[in-house]
């Protein structure tokens, strides 16, 4: 079995490799820190399992979709320090086979690896309960993504904010009151759980 671990922290890469080798002694584990190098490796060889930290520079939901395209039947497990409540469902909707928080124990990592390799989807108990609640409430969880909560006008305001436009300029461009634009901005920040334009930019990049 061949496993590729993509993570920016050397100690974390080593720890993940150790857990995998303890659990699957015959596994051949490749460690990579740079996303572009990892993509090249995936293009040139087959990995049974790809474990990725989506918090590394340049990574996001688009990365998972790209890996699914070039990695063919490789299983993808997101093992991340990013907020599980925010990124677990978008990750799986984008093509990952499971999402695991780095706050869990090594035993849980082994469980997640086994489930993903067995073509099952791994979610923590907390996310499973959230999914059940949404199903009961008739929410379409298959397309769950925080960006989908934004209205078309809010998306436009986000676009202009990320271009560096100020509230007054946006108000003039859209023929709105400054207070109205400020309300749109506040709603976006609340929905995406960010507190600055910089954080907004980072989250938009991750979720797109």
C-alpha atoms as a PDB file:
ATOM      1  CA  UNK A   1       0.000   0.000   0.000  1.00  0.00           C
ATOM      2  CA  UNK A   2       1.310   3.433  -0.954  1.00  0.00           C
ATOM      3  CA  UNK A   3       0.407   6.482   1.110  1.00  0.00           C
ATOM      4  CA  UNK A   4       1.138  10.139   0.406  1.00  0.00           C
ATOM      5  CA  UNK A   5       1.102  12.586   3.323  1.00  0.00           C
ATOM      6  CA  UNK A   6       0.883  16.296   2.437  1.00  0.00           C
ATOM      7  CA  UNK A   7       1.505  18.543   5.423  1.00  0.00           C
ATOM      8  CA  UNK A   8       3.543  21.672   5.987  1.00  0.00           C
ATOM      9  CA  UNK A   9       4.889  20.768   9.424  1.00  0.00           C
ATOM     10  CA  UNK A  10       7.855  18.341   9.623  1.00  0.00           C
ATOM     11  CA  UNK A  11       6.942  17.032  13.076  1.00  0.00           C
ATOM     12  CA  UNK A  12       3.352  16.410  12.042  1.00  0.00           C
ATOM     13  CA  UNK A  13       4.448  14.592   8.872  1.00  0.00           C
ATOM     14  CA  UNK A  14       6.713  12.359  10.948  1.00  0.00           C
ATOM     15  CA  UNK A  15       3.968  11.713  13.496  1.00  0.00           C
ATOM     16  CA  UNK A  16       1.471  10.746  10.806  1.00  0.00           C
ATOM     17  CA  UNK A  17       4.016   8.440   9.168  1.00  0.00           C
ATOM     18  CA  UNK A  18       4.709   6.780  12.508  1.00  0.00           C
ATOM     19  CA  UNK A  19       1.000   6.171  13.111  1.00  0.00           C
ATOM     20  CA  UNK A  20       0.566   4.718   9.634  1.00  0.00           C
ATOM     21  CA  UNK A  21       3.587   2.431   9.913  1.00  0.00           C
ATOM     22  CA  UNK A  22       2.477   1.210  13.346  1.00  0.00           C
ATOM     23  CA  UNK A  23      -0.959   0.462  11.932  1.00  0.00           C
ATOM     24  CA  UNK A  24       0.070  -0.707   8.454  1.00  0.00           C
ATOM     25  CA  UNK A  25       3.702  -1.949   8.706  1.00  0.00           C
ATOM     26  CA  UNK A  26       3.877  -2.797   5.001  1.00  0.00           C
ATOM     27  CA  UNK A  27       2.759   0.675   3.902  1.00  0.00           C
ATOM     28  CA  UNK A  28       5.190   2.768   1.864  1.00  0.00           C
ATOM     29  CA  UNK A  29       4.751   6.339   3.063  1.00  0.00           C
ATOM     30  CA  UNK A  30       5.844   9.386   1.067  1.00  0.00           C
ATOM     31  CA  UNK A  31       6.019  12.734   2.868  1.00  0.00           C
ATOM     32  CA  UNK A  32       5.669  16.079   1.114  1.00  0.00           C
ATOM     33  CA  UNK A  33       5.370  19.658   2.334  1.00  0.00           C
ATOM     34  CA  UNK A  34       4.788  21.523  -0.929  1.00  0.00           C
ATOM     35  CA  UNK A  35       1.461  21.263  -2.703  1.00  0.00           C
ATOM     36  CA  UNK A  36       2.848  21.644  -6.223  1.00  0.00           C
ATOM     37  CA  UNK A  37       5.341  18.819  -5.676  1.00  0.00           C
ATOM     38  CA  UNK A  38       2.593  16.625  -4.270  1.00  0.00           C
ATOM     39  CA  UNK A  39       0.403  17.236  -7.309  1.00  0.00           C
ATOM     40  CA  UNK A  40       3.278  16.244  -9.598  1.00  0.00           C
ATOM     41  CA  UNK A  41       3.759  13.045  -7.584  1.00  0.00           C
ATOM     42  CA  UNK A  42       0.048  12.210  -7.829  1.00  0.00           C
ATOM     43  CA  UNK A  43       0.158  12.757 -11.581  1.00  0.00           C
ATOM     44  CA  UNK A  44       3.113  10.412 -12.027  1.00  0.00           C
ATOM     45  CA  UNK A  45       2.250   7.558  -9.647  1.00  0.00           C
ATOM     46  CA  UNK A  46      -0.648   5.896  -7.896  1.00  0.00           C
ATOM     47  CA  UNK A  47      -1.278   6.233  -4.160  1.00  0.00           C
ATOM     48  CA  UNK A  48      -3.835   4.109  -2.384  1.00  0.00           C
ATOM     49  CA  UNK A  49      -4.331   6.833   0.215  1.00  0.00           C
ATOM     50  CA  UNK A  50      -3.611  10.556   0.190  1.00  0.00           C
ATOM     51  CA  UNK A  51      -3.696  12.351   3.539  1.00  0.00           C
ATOM     52  CA  UNK A  52      -3.745  16.123   3.174  1.00  0.00           C
ATOM     53  CA  UNK A  53      -3.762  19.175   5.437  1.00  0.00           C
ATOM     54  CA  UNK A  54      -5.950  21.682   3.595  1.00  0.00           C
ATOM     55  CA  UNK A  55      -4.472  24.489   5.685  1.00  0.00           C
ATOM     56  CA  UNK A  56      -1.154  24.508   3.798  1.00  0.00           C
ATOM     57  CA  UNK A  57      -0.493  27.447   1.433  1.00  0.00           C
ATOM     58  CA  UNK A  58      -2.456  27.217  -1.796  1.00  0.00           C
ATOM     59  CA  UNK A  59      -4.715  24.375  -0.671  1.00  0.00           C
ATOM     60  CA  UNK A  60      -8.481  24.356  -0.411  1.00  0.00           C
ATOM     61  CA  UNK A  61     -11.578  22.662  -1.768  1.00  0.00           C
ATOM     62  CA  UNK A  62     -10.280  23.154  -5.311  1.00  0.00           C
ATOM     63  CA  UNK A  63      -7.225  21.081  -4.338  1.00  0.00           C
ATOM     64  CA  UNK A  64      -9.397  18.139  -3.351  1.00  0.00           C
ATOM     65  CA  UNK A  65     -11.261  18.349  -6.659  1.00  0.00           C
ATOM     66  CA  UNK A  66      -7.952  18.483  -8.549  1.00  0.00           C
ATOM     67  CA  UNK A  67      -6.604  15.452  -6.698  1.00  0.00           C
ATOM     68  CA  UNK A  68      -9.786  13.507  -7.441  1.00  0.00           C
ATOM     69  CA  UNK A  69      -9.315  14.320 -11.124  1.00  0.00           C
ATOM     70  CA  UNK A  70      -5.638  13.410 -11.423  1.00  0.00           C
ATOM     71  CA  UNK A  71      -5.497  10.788  -8.669  1.00  0.00           C
ATOM     72  CA  UNK A  72      -8.258   8.655 -10.159  1.00  0.00           C
ATOM     73  CA  UNK A  73      -9.174   6.028  -7.573  1.00  0.00           C
ATOM     74  CA  UNK A  74      -6.900   7.252  -4.767  1.00  0.00           C
ATOM     75  CA  UNK A  75      -8.671   7.669  -1.437  1.00  0.00           C
ATOM     76  CA  UNK A  76      -8.407  11.138   0.112  1.00  0.00           C
ATOM     77  CA  UNK A  77      -8.450  11.786   3.841  1.00  0.00           C
ATOM     78  CA  UNK A  78      -8.324  15.379   5.034  1.00  0.00           C
ATOM     79  CA  UNK A  79      -6.442  15.447   8.351  1.00  0.00           C
ATOM     80  CA  UNK A  80      -6.497  19.054   9.369  1.00  0.00           C
ATOM     81  CA  UNK A  81      -6.224  21.671  12.083  1.00  0.00           C
ATOM     82  CA  UNK A  82      -8.869  23.719  10.267  1.00  0.00           C
ATOM     83  CA  UNK A  83     -12.300  24.027  11.884  1.00  0.00           C
ATOM     84  CA  UNK A  84     -14.125  20.725  11.481  1.00  0.00           C
ATOM     85  CA  UNK A  85     -17.575  22.320  11.683  1.00  0.00           C
ATOM     86  CA  UNK A  86     -16.705  24.627   8.781  1.00  0.00           C
ATOM     87  CA  UNK A  87     -14.618  22.423   6.499  1.00  0.00           C
ATOM     88  CA  UNK A  88     -15.676  18.788   7.003  1.00  0.00           C
ATOM     89  CA  UNK A  89     -18.772  18.814   4.814  1.00  0.00           C
ATOM     90  CA  UNK A  90     -17.304  21.030   2.060  1.00  0.00           C
ATOM     91  CA  UNK A  91     -14.255  18.742   1.950  1.00  0.00           C
ATOM     92  CA  UNK A  92     -16.344  15.629   1.396  1.00  0.00           C
ATOM     93  CA  UNK A  93     -18.653  17.452  -1.015  1.00  0.00           C
ATOM     94  CA  UNK A  94     -15.520  18.378  -2.994  1.00  0.00           C
ATOM     95  CA  UNK A  95     -14.444  14.745  -3.247  1.00  0.00           C
ATOM     96  CA  UNK A  96     -12.616  13.776  -0.049  1.00  0.00           C
ATOM     97  CA  UNK A  97     -13.489  10.434   1.524  1.00  0.00           C
ATOM     98  CA  UNK A  98     -13.252  11.733   5.066  1.00  0.00           C
ATOM     99  CA  UNK A  99     -12.325  14.635   7.321  1.00  0.00           C
ATOM    100  CA  UNK A 100     -10.432  14.194  10.579  1.00  0.00           C
ATOM    101  CA  UNK A 101      -9.466  16.871  13.074  1.00  0.00           C
ATOM    102  CA  UNK A 102      -5.878  16.859  14.328  1.00  0.00           C
ATOM    103  CA  UNK A 103      -7.258  17.243  17.840  1.00  0.00           C
ATOM    104  CA  UNK A 104      -8.255  13.569  17.930  1.00  0.00           C
ATOM    105  CA  UNK A 105      -6.161  10.622  19.097  1.00  0.00           C
ATOM    106  CA  UNK A 106      -3.932   8.416  16.977  1.00  0.00           C
ATOM    107  CA  UNK A 107      -6.457   5.606  17.409  1.00  0.00           C
ATOM    108  CA  UNK A 108      -9.077   7.714  15.676  1.00  0.00           C
ATOM    109  CA  UNK A 109      -6.682   8.328  12.788  1.00  0.00           C
ATOM    110  CA  UNK A 110      -6.340   4.570  12.365  1.00  0.00           C
ATOM    111  CA  UNK A 111     -10.107   4.163  12.345  1.00  0.00           C
ATOM    112  CA  UNK A 112     -10.439   6.892   9.724  1.00  0.00           C
ATOM    113  CA  UNK A 113      -7.747   5.302   7.548  1.00  0.00           C
ATOM    114  CA  UNK A 114      -9.443   1.905   7.683  1.00  0.00           C
ATOM    115  CA  UNK A 115     -12.861   3.344   6.828  1.00  0.00           C
ATOM    116  CA  UNK A 116     -11.562   5.403   3.917  1.00  0.00           C
ATOM    117  CA  UNK A 117      -9.564   2.491   2.489  1.00  0.00           C
ATOM    118  CA  UNK A 118     -12.715   0.376   2.805  1.00  0.00           C
ATOM    119  CA  UNK A 119     -14.508   2.898   0.541  1.00  0.00           C
ATOM    120  CA  UNK A 120     -16.531   4.313   3.405  1.00  0.00           C
ATOM    121  CA  UNK A 121     -16.859   7.974   4.370  1.00  0.00           C
ATOM    122  CA  UNK A 122     -15.350   9.037   7.678  1.00  0.00           C
ATOM    123  CA  UNK A 123     -16.894  11.747   9.842  1.00  0.00           C
ATOM    124  CA  UNK A 124     -16.453  12.375  13.546  1.00  0.00           C
ATOM    125  CA  UNK A 125     -19.410  11.692  15.827  1.00  0.00           C
ATOM    126  CA  UNK A 126     -20.015  15.430  16.146  1.00  0.00           C
ATOM    127  CA  UNK A 127     -20.315  15.852  12.377  1.00  0.00           C
ATOM    128  CA  UNK A 128     -22.476  12.731  12.111  1.00  0.00           C
ATOM    129  CA  UNK A 129     -24.878  14.257  14.619  1.00  0.00           C
ATOM    130  CA  UNK A 130     -24.863  17.511  12.666  1.00  0.00           C
ATOM    131  CA  UNK A 131     -25.638  15.632   9.453  1.00  0.00           C
ATOM    132  CA  UNK A 132     -28.492  13.790  11.116  1.00  0.00           C
ATOM    133  CA  UNK A 133     -29.933  17.048  12.409  1.00  0.00           C
ATOM    134  CA  UNK A 134     -29.786  18.575   8.950  1.00  0.00           C
ATOM    135  CA  UNK A 135     -31.388  15.539   7.349  1.00  0.00           C
ATOM    136  CA  UNK A 136     -34.207  15.732   9.871  1.00  0.00           C
ATOM    137  CA  UNK A 137     -34.559  19.420   9.005  1.00  0.00           C
ATOM    138  CA  UNK A 138     -34.628  18.512   5.281  1.00  0.00           C
ATOM    139  CA  UNK A 139     -31.386  20.349   4.521  1.00  0.00           C
ATOM    140  CA  UNK A 140     -29.487  19.210   1.433  1.00  0.00           C
ATOM    141  CA  UNK A 141     -26.177  18.328   3.099  1.00  0.00           C
ATOM    142  CA  UNK A 142     -24.633  17.047  -0.137  1.00  0.00           C
ATOM    143  CA  UNK A 143     -24.110  20.645  -1.265  1.00  0.00           C
ATOM    144  CA  UNK A 144     -23.306  22.120   2.133  1.00  0.00           C
ATOM    145  CA  UNK A 145     -20.844  24.970   1.879  1.00  0.00           C
ATOM    146  CA  UNK A 146     -20.800  28.232   3.870  1.00  0.00           C
ATOM    147  CA  UNK A 147     -20.496  30.197   0.617  1.00  0.00           C
ATOM    148  CA  UNK A 148     -23.948  28.996  -0.368  1.00  0.00           C
ATOM    149  CA  UNK A 149     -25.386  31.003   2.498  1.00  0.00           C
ATOM    150  CA  UNK A 150     -24.420  34.234   0.762  1.00  0.00           C
ATOM    151  CA  UNK A 151     -26.974  36.118  -1.311  1.00  0.00           C
ATOM    152  CA  UNK A 152     -26.077  37.359  -4.787  1.00  0.00           C
ATOM    153  CA  UNK A 153     -25.706  40.916  -3.472  1.00  0.00           C
ATOM    154  CA  UNK A 154     -23.496  39.729  -0.600  1.00  0.00           C
ATOM    155  CA  UNK A 155     -21.306  37.843  -3.084  1.00  0.00           C
ATOM    156  CA  UNK A 156     -20.938  41.032  -5.104  1.00  0.00           C
ATOM    157  CA  UNK A 157     -19.942  43.001  -2.024  1.00  0.00           C
ATOM    158  CA  UNK A 158     -17.401  40.279  -1.149  1.00  0.00           C
ATOM    159  CA  UNK A 159     -15.933  40.515  -4.644  1.00  0.00           C
ATOM    160  CA  UNK A 160     -15.539  44.270  -4.356  1.00  0.00           C
ATOM    161  CA  UNK A 161     -14.110  44.088  -0.846  1.00  0.00           C
ATOM    162  CA  UNK A 162     -11.509  41.605  -2.014  1.00  0.00           C
ATOM    163  CA  UNK A 163     -10.607  43.975  -4.835  1.00  0.00           C
ATOM    164  CA  UNK A 164      -9.694  46.489  -2.146  1.00  0.00           C
ATOM    165  CA  UNK A 165     -12.729  48.729  -2.536  1.00  0.00           C
ATOM    166  CA  UNK A 166     -13.834  50.770   0.477  1.00  0.00           C
ATOM    167  CA  UNK A 167     -17.379  50.894   1.823  1.00  0.00           C
ATOM    168  CA  UNK A 168     -18.007  54.362   0.367  1.00  0.00           C
ATOM    169  CA  UNK A 169     -16.737  53.329  -3.074  1.00  0.00           C
ATOM    170  CA  UNK A 170     -18.858  50.171  -3.078  1.00  0.00           C
ATOM    171  CA  UNK A 171     -21.911  52.183  -2.061  1.00  0.00           C
ATOM    172  CA  UNK A 172     -21.359  54.583  -4.954  1.00  0.00           C
ATOM    173  CA  UNK A 173     -20.811  51.746  -7.437  1.00  0.00           C
ATOM    174  CA  UNK A 174     -23.975  49.919  -6.378  1.00  0.00           C
ATOM    175  CA  UNK A 175     -26.082  53.019  -5.763  1.00  0.00           C
ATOM    176  CA  UNK A 176     -26.611  52.052  -2.153  1.00  0.00           C
ATOM    177  CA  UNK A 177     -26.282  53.778   1.186  1.00  0.00           C
ATOM    178  CA  UNK A 178     -23.000  53.230   3.012  1.00  0.00           C
ATOM    179  CA  UNK A 179     -24.961  51.819   5.943  1.00  0.00           C
ATOM    180  CA  UNK A 180     -26.541  49.238   3.641  1.00  0.00           C
ATOM    181  CA  UNK A 181     -23.156  48.117   2.334  1.00  0.00           C
ATOM    182  CA  UNK A 182     -21.859  47.966   5.904  1.00  0.00           C
ATOM    183  CA  UNK A 183     -24.790  45.715   6.777  1.00  0.00           C
ATOM    184  CA  UNK A 184     -23.985  43.419   3.838  1.00  0.00           C
ATOM    185  CA  UNK A 185     -20.373  43.283   4.992  1.00  0.00           C
ATOM    186  CA  UNK A 186     -21.382  42.501   8.572  1.00  0.00           C
ATOM    187  CA  UNK A 187     -23.729  39.739   7.387  1.00  0.00           C
ATOM    188  CA  UNK A 188     -20.954  38.181   5.298  1.00  0.00           C
ATOM    189  CA  UNK A 189     -18.510  38.282   8.183  1.00  0.00           C
ATOM    190  CA  UNK A 190     -21.077  36.663  10.470  1.00  0.00           C
ATOM    191  CA  UNK A 191     -22.027  33.919   7.987  1.00  0.00           C
ATOM    192  CA  UNK A 192     -18.404  33.062   7.203  1.00  0.00           C
ATOM    193  CA  UNK A 193     -17.198  33.581  10.771  1.00  0.00           C
ATOM    194  CA  UNK A 194     -14.426  36.021   9.929  1.00  0.00           C
ATOM    195  CA  UNK A 195     -13.449  39.361  11.447  1.00  0.00           C
ATOM    196  CA  UNK A 196     -11.368  41.025   8.738  1.00  0.00           C
ATOM    197  CA  UNK A 197     -11.057  41.311   4.964  1.00  0.00           C
ATOM    198  CA  UNK A 198      -7.779  39.395   5.161  1.00  0.00           C
ATOM    199  CA  UNK A 199      -9.508  36.505   6.943  1.00  0.00           C
ATOM    200  CA  UNK A 200     -12.365  36.747   4.430  1.00  0.00           C
ATOM    201  CA  UNK A 201      -9.914  36.406   1.549  1.00  0.00           C
ATOM    202  CA  UNK A 202      -8.302  33.342   3.122  1.00  0.00           C
ATOM    203  CA  UNK A 203     -11.642  31.643   3.769  1.00  0.00           C
ATOM    204  CA  UNK A 204     -12.928  32.384   0.259  1.00  0.00           C
ATOM    205  CA  UNK A 205      -9.752  30.838  -1.165  1.00  0.00           C
ATOM    206  CA  UNK A 206     -10.183  27.746   1.009  1.00  0.00           C
ATOM    207  CA  UNK A 207     -13.852  27.210   0.169  1.00  0.00           C
ATOM    208  CA  UNK A 208     -13.933  28.039  -3.508  1.00  0.00           C
END
